[in-house]
C-alpha atoms as a PDB file:
ATOM      1  CA  GLY A   1     -11.076 -18.700  -1.792  1.00  0.00           C
ATOM      2  CA  GLU A   2     -10.949 -15.089  -0.203  1.00  0.00           C
ATOM      3  CA  GLU A   3     -10.472 -15.331   3.136  1.00  0.00           C
ATOM      4  CA  THR A   4     -11.630 -12.270   5.970  1.00  0.00           C
ATOM      5  CA  LEU A   5     -10.230 -11.814   9.043  1.00  0.00           C
ATOM      6  CA  TYR A   6     -12.992  -9.816  11.255  1.00  0.00           C
ATOM      7  CA  PHE A   7     -11.525  -7.749  14.540  1.00  0.00           C
ATOM      8  CA  CYS A   8     -13.963  -6.773  17.282  1.00  0.00           C
ATOM      9  CA  ASN A   9     -13.670  -3.960  19.570  1.00  0.00           C
ATOM     10  CA  GLY A  10      -9.997  -3.489  21.158  1.00  0.00           C
ATOM     11  CA  ASP A  11      -6.546  -2.851  20.346  1.00  0.00           C
ATOM     12  CA  HIS A  12      -5.264  -5.988  18.345  1.00  0.00           C
ATOM     13  CA  TYR A  13      -1.246  -6.555  18.222  1.00  0.00           C
ATOM     14  CA  ALA A  14      -0.549  -7.693  14.299  1.00  0.00           C
ATOM     15  CA  ARG A  15       2.031  -8.357  11.876  1.00  0.00           C
ATOM     16  CA  ILE A  16      -0.063  -9.439   8.720  1.00  0.00           C
ATOM     17  CA  VAL A  17       1.867 -10.992   5.580  1.00  0.00           C
ATOM     18  CA  THR A  18      -0.310 -12.465   3.107  1.00  0.00           C
ATOM     19  CA  GLY A  19       0.649 -13.839  -0.499  1.00  0.00           C
ATOM     20  CA  PHE A  20      -3.218 -14.887  -0.822  1.00  0.00           C
ATOM     21  CA  SER A  21      -6.104 -12.264  -1.740  1.00  0.00           C
ATOM     22  CA  ILE A  22      -8.260 -11.479   2.097  1.00  0.00           C
ATOM     23  CA  ASP A  23     -10.294  -8.841   3.071  1.00  0.00           C
ATOM     24  CA  ILE A  24      -9.286  -7.259   7.082  1.00  0.00           C
ATOM     25  CA  VAL A  25     -12.533  -5.575   8.857  1.00  0.00           C
ATOM     26  CA  GLY A  26     -13.422  -4.138  11.869  1.00  0.00           C
ATOM     27  CA  LEU A  27     -16.809  -5.001  12.921  1.00  0.00           C
ATOM     28  CA  ASN A  28     -17.715  -2.011  14.760  1.00  0.00           C
ATOM     29  CA  GLY A  29     -15.924   1.154  12.707  1.00  0.00           C
ATOM     30  CA  ALA A  30     -12.497   2.812  12.576  1.00  0.00           C
ATOM     31  CA  SER A  31     -12.595   4.495  16.078  1.00  0.00           C
ATOM     32  CA  GLN A  32     -13.401   0.830  17.577  1.00  0.00           C
ATOM     33  CA  ALA A  33     -11.000  -1.643  16.580  1.00  0.00           C
ATOM     34  CA  SER A  34      -7.133  -1.310  15.610  1.00  0.00           C
ATOM     35  CA  LEU A  35      -4.278  -3.143  14.477  1.00  0.00           C
ATOM     36  CA  SER A  36      -0.793  -2.335  16.275  1.00  0.00           C
ATOM     37  CA  GLY A  37       2.630  -3.025  14.886  1.00  0.00           C
ATOM     38  CA  ALA A  38       3.403  -1.872  18.386  1.00  0.00           C
ATOM     39  CA  SER A  39       6.926  -0.815  17.188  1.00  0.00           C
ATOM     40  CA  ARG A  40       7.786  -4.304  15.789  1.00  0.00           C
ATOM     41  CA  GLY A  41       7.305  -4.097  12.608  1.00  0.00           C
ATOM     42  CA  THR A  42       4.436  -3.488   9.229  1.00  0.00           C
ATOM     43  CA  VAL A  43       1.172  -4.043  10.103  1.00  0.00           C
ATOM     44  CA  LEU A  44       0.664  -5.604   6.897  1.00  0.00           C
ATOM     45  CA  THR A  45       2.721  -6.799   4.001  1.00  0.00           C
ATOM     46  CA  VAL A  46       1.082  -7.708   0.779  1.00  0.00           C
ATOM     47  CA  GLN A  47       3.258  -9.657  -1.236  1.00  0.00           C
ATOM     48  CA  GLY A  48       2.348 -11.296  -4.634  1.00  0.00           C
ATOM     49  CA  ASP A  49       0.707 -10.907  -8.008  1.00  0.00           C
ATOM     50  CA  GLY A  50      -3.009 -11.250  -8.666  1.00  0.00           C
ATOM     51  CA  LEU A  51      -4.680 -11.044  -4.998  1.00  0.00           C
ATOM     52  CA  ASN A  52      -7.219  -9.043  -3.941  1.00  0.00           C
ATOM     53  CA  VAL A  53      -6.523  -7.298  -0.265  1.00  0.00           C
ATOM     54  CA  THR A  54      -9.354  -4.678   1.276  1.00  0.00           C
ATOM     55  CA  VAL A  55      -8.933  -3.102   4.537  1.00  0.00           C
ATOM     56  CA  SER A  56     -12.525  -1.613   5.805  1.00  0.00           C
ATOM     57  CA  ASP A  57     -13.662   0.188   9.212  1.00  0.00           C
ATOM     58  CA  ILE A  58     -10.097  -0.023  11.501  1.00  0.00           C
ATOM     59  CA  THR A  59      -7.470   1.663  12.355  1.00  0.00           C
ATOM     60  CA  ILE A  60      -3.752   0.489  11.365  1.00  0.00           C
ATOM     61  CA  GLU A  61      -1.098   2.080  13.278  1.00  0.00           C
ATOM     62  CA  ARG A  62       2.262   1.687  15.407  1.00  0.00           C
ATOM     63  CA  GLY A  63       3.726  -0.162  12.283  1.00  0.00           C
ATOM     64  CA  GLN A  64       7.600   0.070  12.144  1.00  0.00           C
ATOM     65  CA  ALA A  65       9.125  -0.606   8.970  1.00  0.00           C
ATOM     66  CA  SER A  66      11.622  -3.085   9.670  1.00  0.00           C
ATOM     67  CA  ASP A  67      12.593  -5.493   6.616  1.00  0.00           C
ATOM     68  CA  ASN A  68      11.082  -4.749   3.132  1.00  0.00           C
ATOM     69  CA  ILE A  69      13.427  -3.613   0.590  1.00  0.00           C
ATOM     70  CA  THR A  70      12.601  -1.787  -2.704  1.00  0.00           C
ATOM     71  CA  ALA A  71      14.004  -0.505  -5.671  1.00  0.00           C
ATOM     72  CA  LEU A  72      14.426   2.424  -3.543  1.00  0.00           C
ATOM     73  CA  THR A  73      15.008   1.876   0.070  1.00  0.00           C
ATOM     74  CA  LYS A  74      15.517  -0.680   2.462  1.00  0.00           C
ATOM     75  CA  LYS A  75      12.695  -0.614   5.629  1.00  0.00           C
ATOM     76  CA  ALA A  76       9.510   0.666   3.392  1.00  0.00           C
ATOM     77  CA  GLY A  77       5.818   0.826   4.908  1.00  0.00           C
ATOM     78  CA  GLY A  78       5.652   0.850   8.573  1.00  0.00           C
ATOM     79  CA  GLY A  79       2.165   1.077   8.296  1.00  0.00           C
ATOM     80  CA  ILE A  80       0.716  -1.233   5.052  1.00  0.00           C
ATOM     81  CA  PHE A  81       3.317  -2.223   2.442  1.00  0.00           C
ATOM     82  CA  CYS A  82       1.778  -3.838  -0.720  1.00  0.00           C
ATOM     83  CA  ASP A  83       4.529  -5.401  -3.780  1.00  0.00           C
ATOM     84  CA  GLY A  84       3.486  -7.018  -6.460  1.00  0.00           C
ATOM     85  CA  LYS A  85       0.967  -6.643  -9.675  1.00  0.00           C
ATOM     86  CA  SER A  86      -2.556  -6.665  -6.722  1.00  0.00           C
ATOM     87  CA  GLU A  87      -5.062  -4.873  -5.758  1.00  0.00           C
ATOM     88  CA  LEU A  88      -5.419  -2.878  -2.663  1.00  0.00           C
ATOM     89  CA  GLU A  89      -8.292  -1.281  -1.669  1.00  0.00           C
ATOM     90  CA  ILE A  90      -9.250   1.132   1.690  1.00  0.00           C
ATOM     91  CA  SER A  91     -11.738   2.284   3.081  1.00  0.00           C
ATOM     92  CA  ASP A  92     -13.408   3.926   5.745  1.00  0.00           C
ATOM     93  CA  SER A  93     -10.197   3.586   7.696  1.00  0.00           C
ATOM     94  CA  VAL A  94      -7.300   5.315   9.637  1.00  0.00           C
ATOM     95  CA  ILE A  95      -3.406   4.876   9.253  1.00  0.00           C
ATOM     96  CA  SER A  96      -2.106   6.812  11.853  1.00  0.00           C
ATOM     97  CA  ASN A  97       1.248   7.040  13.882  1.00  0.00           C
ATOM     98  CA  ASN A  98       3.398   4.459  11.912  1.00  0.00           C
ATOM     99  CA  ARG A  99       7.345   5.047  10.530  1.00  0.00           C
ATOM    100  CA  ALA A 100       9.815   3.369   8.322  1.00  0.00           C
ATOM    101  CA  GLU A 101      13.393   4.567   7.691  1.00  0.00           C
ATOM    102  CA  GLY A 102      13.021   4.365   4.015  1.00  0.00           C
ATOM    103  CA  ALA A 103       9.973   5.323   2.023  1.00  0.00           C
ATOM    104  CA  GLY A 104       6.123   5.330   3.159  1.00  0.00           C
ATOM    105  CA  GLY A 105       5.751   5.927   6.386  1.00  0.00           C
ATOM    106  CA  GLY A 106       1.807   5.092   6.753  1.00  0.00           C
ATOM    107  CA  ILE A 107       1.885   3.020   3.042  1.00  0.00           C
ATOM    108  CA  HIS A 108       4.287   2.106   0.788  1.00  0.00           C
ATOM    109  CA  ASN A 109       3.231   0.733  -2.301  1.00  0.00           C
ATOM    110  CA  GLU A 110       5.848  -0.939  -5.078  1.00  0.00           C
ATOM    111  CA  ASP A 111       3.797  -1.333  -8.139  1.00  0.00           C
ATOM    112  CA  CYS A 112       0.373  -2.204  -6.713  1.00  0.00           C
ATOM    113  CA  ASN A 113      -3.255  -0.862  -7.782  1.00  0.00           C
ATOM    114  CA  VAL A 114      -4.238   1.520  -4.164  1.00  0.00           C
ATOM    115  CA  THR A 115      -7.845   2.550  -4.199  1.00  0.00           C
ATOM    116  CA  ILE A 116      -8.373   4.685  -0.855  1.00  0.00           C
ATOM    117  CA  THR A 117     -11.763   6.012  -0.007  1.00  0.00           C
ATOM    118  CA  ASP A 118     -13.310   7.737   3.092  1.00  0.00           C
ATOM    119  CA  THR A 119     -10.145   7.577   5.161  1.00  0.00           C
ATOM    120  CA  GLU A 120      -7.246   9.390   7.274  1.00  0.00           C
ATOM    121  CA  ILE A 121      -4.047   9.047   6.700  1.00  0.00           C
ATOM    122  CA  HIS A 122      -2.098  11.489   9.568  1.00  0.00           C
ATOM    123  CA  SER A 123       0.632  11.845  11.875  1.00  0.00           C
ATOM    124  CA  ASN A 124       3.031   9.167  10.096  1.00  0.00           C
ATOM    125  CA  ILE A 125       6.804   9.612   9.229  1.00  0.00           C
ATOM    126  CA  SER A 126       9.599   8.807   7.329  1.00  0.00           C
ATOM    127  CA  GLU A 127      13.154   9.647   7.381  1.00  0.00           C
ATOM    128  CA  LEU A 128      13.632   9.273   3.727  1.00  0.00           C
ATOM    129  CA  VAL A 129      10.496   9.596   1.568  1.00  0.00           C
ATOM    130  CA  GLY A 130       6.587  10.067   1.673  1.00  0.00           C
ATOM    131  CA  GLY A 131       5.663  10.225   5.083  1.00  0.00           C
ATOM    132  CA  GLY A 132       1.731   9.664   4.563  1.00  0.00           C
ATOM    133  CA  LEU A 133       2.402   7.390   1.502  1.00  0.00           C
ATOM    134  CA  ALA A 134       4.769   6.964  -0.970  1.00  0.00           C
ATOM    135  CA  SER A 135       3.795   4.957  -4.277  1.00  0.00           C
ATOM    136  CA  LEU A 136       6.648   3.693  -6.921  1.00  0.00           C
ATOM    137  CA  GLY A 137       4.987   2.826 -10.107  1.00  0.00           C
ATOM    138  CA  GLY A 138       1.761   1.098  -9.702  1.00  0.00           C
ATOM    139  CA  THR A 139      -2.238   3.751  -9.113  1.00  0.00           C
ATOM    140  CA  VAL A 140      -3.582   5.573  -6.478  1.00  0.00           C
ATOM    141  CA  THR A 141      -6.691   6.498  -6.378  1.00  0.00           C
ATOM    142  CA  ILE A 142      -7.669   8.635  -3.434  1.00  0.00           C
ATOM    143  CA  THR A 143     -11.295   9.814  -2.906  1.00  0.00           C
ATOM    144  CA  ASP A 144     -13.118  11.718  -0.257  1.00  0.00           C
ATOM    145  CA  SER A 145     -10.207  11.420   1.803  1.00  0.00           C
ATOM    146  CA  SER A 146      -7.489  13.085   4.137  1.00  0.00           C
ATOM    147  CA  ILE A 147      -3.520  13.252   4.499  1.00  0.00           C
ATOM    148  CA  TYR A 148      -2.242  15.540   7.293  1.00  0.00           C
ATOM    149  CA  ASN A 149       0.002  16.094   9.686  1.00  0.00           C
ATOM    150  CA  ASN A 150       2.383  13.475   8.098  1.00  0.00           C
ATOM    151  CA  THR A 151       6.450  14.212   7.953  1.00  0.00           C
ATOM    152  CA  ALA A 152       9.432  13.075   5.527  1.00  0.00           C
ATOM    153  CA  ASP A 153      12.525  14.216   6.355  1.00  0.00           C
ATOM    154  CA  ILE A 154      14.092  14.440   2.550  1.00  0.00           C
ATOM    155  CA  GLN A 155      11.400  14.814   0.249  1.00  0.00           C
ATOM    156  CA  GLY A 156       7.313  14.597  -0.151  1.00  0.00           C
ATOM    157  CA  GLY A 157       5.572  14.938   3.678  1.00  0.00           C
ATOM    158  CA  GLY A 158       2.484  14.251   2.698  1.00  0.00           C
ATOM    159  CA  LEU A 159       2.713  12.029  -0.625  1.00  0.00           C
ATOM    160  CA  PHE A 160       5.687  10.874  -2.667  1.00  0.00           C
ATOM    161  CA  LEU A 161       5.598   9.407  -6.066  1.00  0.00           C
ATOM    162  CA  TYR A 162       8.030   8.246  -7.897  1.00  0.00           C
ATOM    163  CA  ASP A 163       8.712   5.327 -10.587  1.00  0.00           C
ATOM    164  CA  TYR A 164       8.762   1.748 -10.763  1.00  0.00           C
ATOM    165  CA  SER A 165      12.258  -0.246 -11.731  1.00  0.00           C
ATOM    166  CA  GLY A 166      12.019  -3.984 -12.065  1.00  0.00           C
ATOM    167  CA  GLU A 167      13.249  -6.778 -14.156  1.00  0.00           C
ATOM    168  CA  GLU A 168      14.736  -6.313 -17.481  1.00  0.00           C
ATOM    169  CA  ASP A 169      14.970  -2.512 -16.520  1.00  0.00           C
ATOM    170  CA  ILE A 170      10.923  -2.159 -17.028  1.00  0.00           C
ATOM    171  CA  THR A 171       9.747   1.126 -15.632  1.00  0.00           C
ATOM    172  CA  ARG A 172       6.807   2.213 -14.581  1.00  0.00           C
ATOM    173  CA  PRO A 173       5.859   5.455 -13.227  1.00  0.00           C
ATOM    174  CA  ALA A 174       3.764   6.100 -10.388  1.00  0.00           C
ATOM    175  CA  ILE A 175      -0.139   7.867 -11.310  1.00  0.00           C
ATOM    176  CA  ALA A 176      -2.259   9.405  -8.428  1.00  0.00           C
ATOM    177  CA  ASN A 177      -5.750  10.120  -9.143  1.00  0.00           C
ATOM    178  CA  MET A 178      -6.805  12.093  -6.293  1.00  0.00           C
ATOM    179  CA  GLU A 179     -10.494  13.572  -5.597  1.00  0.00           C
ATOM    180  CA  ASN A 180     -12.104  15.724  -2.678  1.00  0.00           C
ATOM    181  CA  LEU A 181      -8.767  14.947  -1.009  1.00  0.00           C
ATOM    182  CA  LEU A 182      -7.827  17.223   1.759  1.00  0.00           C
ATOM    183  CA  VAL A 183      -3.444  17.327   2.029  1.00  0.00           C
ATOM    184  CA  LYS A 184      -2.710  19.571   5.273  1.00  0.00           C
ATOM    185  CA  GLY A 185      -0.126  20.593   7.561  1.00  0.00           C
ATOM    186  CA  ASN A 186       2.558  17.588   5.812  1.00  0.00           C
ATOM    187  CA  GLY A 187       6.105  18.516   6.363  1.00  0.00           C
ATOM    188  CA  SER A 188       9.574  17.916   4.107  1.00  0.00           C
ATOM    189  CA  THR A 189      12.306  19.360   3.078  1.00  0.00           C
ATOM    190  CA  ILE A 190      10.896  19.636  -0.490  1.00  0.00           C
ATOM    191  CA  GLY A 191       7.705  18.839  -1.467  1.00  0.00           C
ATOM    192  CA  GLY A 192       6.075  19.148   2.406  1.00  0.00           C
ATOM    193  CA  GLY A 193       1.977  18.202   0.823  1.00  0.00           C
ATOM    194  CA  LEU A 194       3.359  15.943  -2.383  1.00  0.00           C
ATOM    195  CA  LEU A 195       6.631  15.217  -4.684  1.00  0.00           C
ATOM    196  CA  ILE A 196       6.330  14.204  -8.046  1.00  0.00           C
ATOM    197  CA  SER A 197       9.680  12.839  -9.350  1.00  0.00           C
ATOM    198  CA  GLY A 198      10.677  10.499 -12.724  1.00  0.00           C
ATOM    199  CA  GLY A 199       8.038   9.976 -15.106  1.00  0.00           C
ATOM    200  CA  ALA A 200       4.928  10.061 -11.980  1.00  0.00           C
ATOM    201  CA  ALA A 201       2.063  12.035 -12.683  1.00  0.00           C
ATOM    202  CA  ALA A 202      -0.791  13.488 -10.369  1.00  0.00           C
ATOM    203  CA  THR A 203      -4.492  14.615 -11.263  1.00  0.00           C
ATOM    204  CA  CYS A 204      -6.597  16.519  -8.747  1.00  0.00           C
ATOM    205  CA  THR A 205     -10.085  17.713  -8.651  1.00  0.00           C
ATOM    206  CA  ALA A 206     -12.413  18.455  -5.912  1.00  0.00           C
ATOM    207  CA  SER A 207     -15.952  19.481  -5.989  1.00  0.00           C
ATOM    208  CA  ASP A 208     -16.783  22.803  -3.488  1.00  0.00           C
ATOM    209  CA  GLY A 209     -15.547  21.542   0.202  1.00  0.00           C
ATOM    210  CA  ASP A 210     -12.610  21.252   2.461  1.00  0.00           C
ATOM    211  CA  TYR A 211     -10.425  19.950  -0.148  1.00  0.00           C
ATOM    212  CA  GLY A 212      -6.782  21.109  -1.672  1.00  0.00           C
ATOM    213  CA  PHE A 213      -3.122  21.276  -0.255  1.00  0.00           C
ATOM    214  CA  VAL A 214      -3.647  23.365   2.886  1.00  0.00           C
ATOM    215  CA  GLU A 215      -0.908  24.709   5.269  1.00  0.00           C
ATOM    216  CA  ASN A 216       2.053  22.254   4.300  1.00  0.00           C
ATOM    217  CA  THR A 217       5.246  23.390   4.438  1.00  0.00           C
ATOM    218  CA  ALA A 218       9.255  22.517   3.013  1.00  0.00           C
ATOM    219  CA  SER A 219      12.275  23.896   4.579  1.00  0.00           C
ATOM    220  CA  ALA A 220      13.757  24.147   0.971  1.00  0.00           C
ATOM    221  CA  VAL A 221      11.216  24.239  -1.743  1.00  0.00           C
ATOM    222  CA  GLY A 222       7.937  23.500  -2.501  1.00  0.00           C
ATOM    223  CA  GLY A 223       5.240  23.384   0.671  1.00  0.00           C
ATOM    224  CA  GLY A 224       2.621  22.562  -1.029  1.00  0.00           C
ATOM    225  CA  VAL A 225       3.996  20.535  -3.857  1.00  0.00           C
END
């Protein structure tokens, strides 16, 4: 069955690796409870197919990707790493101050379906691609959230979308659906706010309000996208 981990107020050192469905909940909101990798590894790793993992009302911070190997790079996913045909839901949370030498400083998605709602992804760093979030394959749906002040040395300071290459030369492009999303103040060499590569695709819609791509920078090309 599905298990639930509740975290009370305070900073908790955590390196959670799960191969089964689980709910991770901060009892009193993201401003009160945090999970810290203490720069020693990824905070949350989801591995396997058919899982349902939820993260809500909590801050995930100070993760340092150390041993997650992907089709693109090693050391991916500083805060969260999701690998497999699973469902990951993140809501009312903060993903901040995480780091990856490879891809996905804040979050790295490897063919999962990820839903992000009412969440801030900020101040994460990747030395390669996807400072805030990198997705290889899978579908990422982001609603009423903000991705800001993230950096990637090469591509996609805020977000990086690319193809997943699996067994038997199967290739599945990443798809991102973004609604009421603010992407602000991110930076990279190419694609400061968002980098779309391979067969990946993205849609972005917004109602009236403080949404869109704002003040992102690139030292070469594509400050916004």
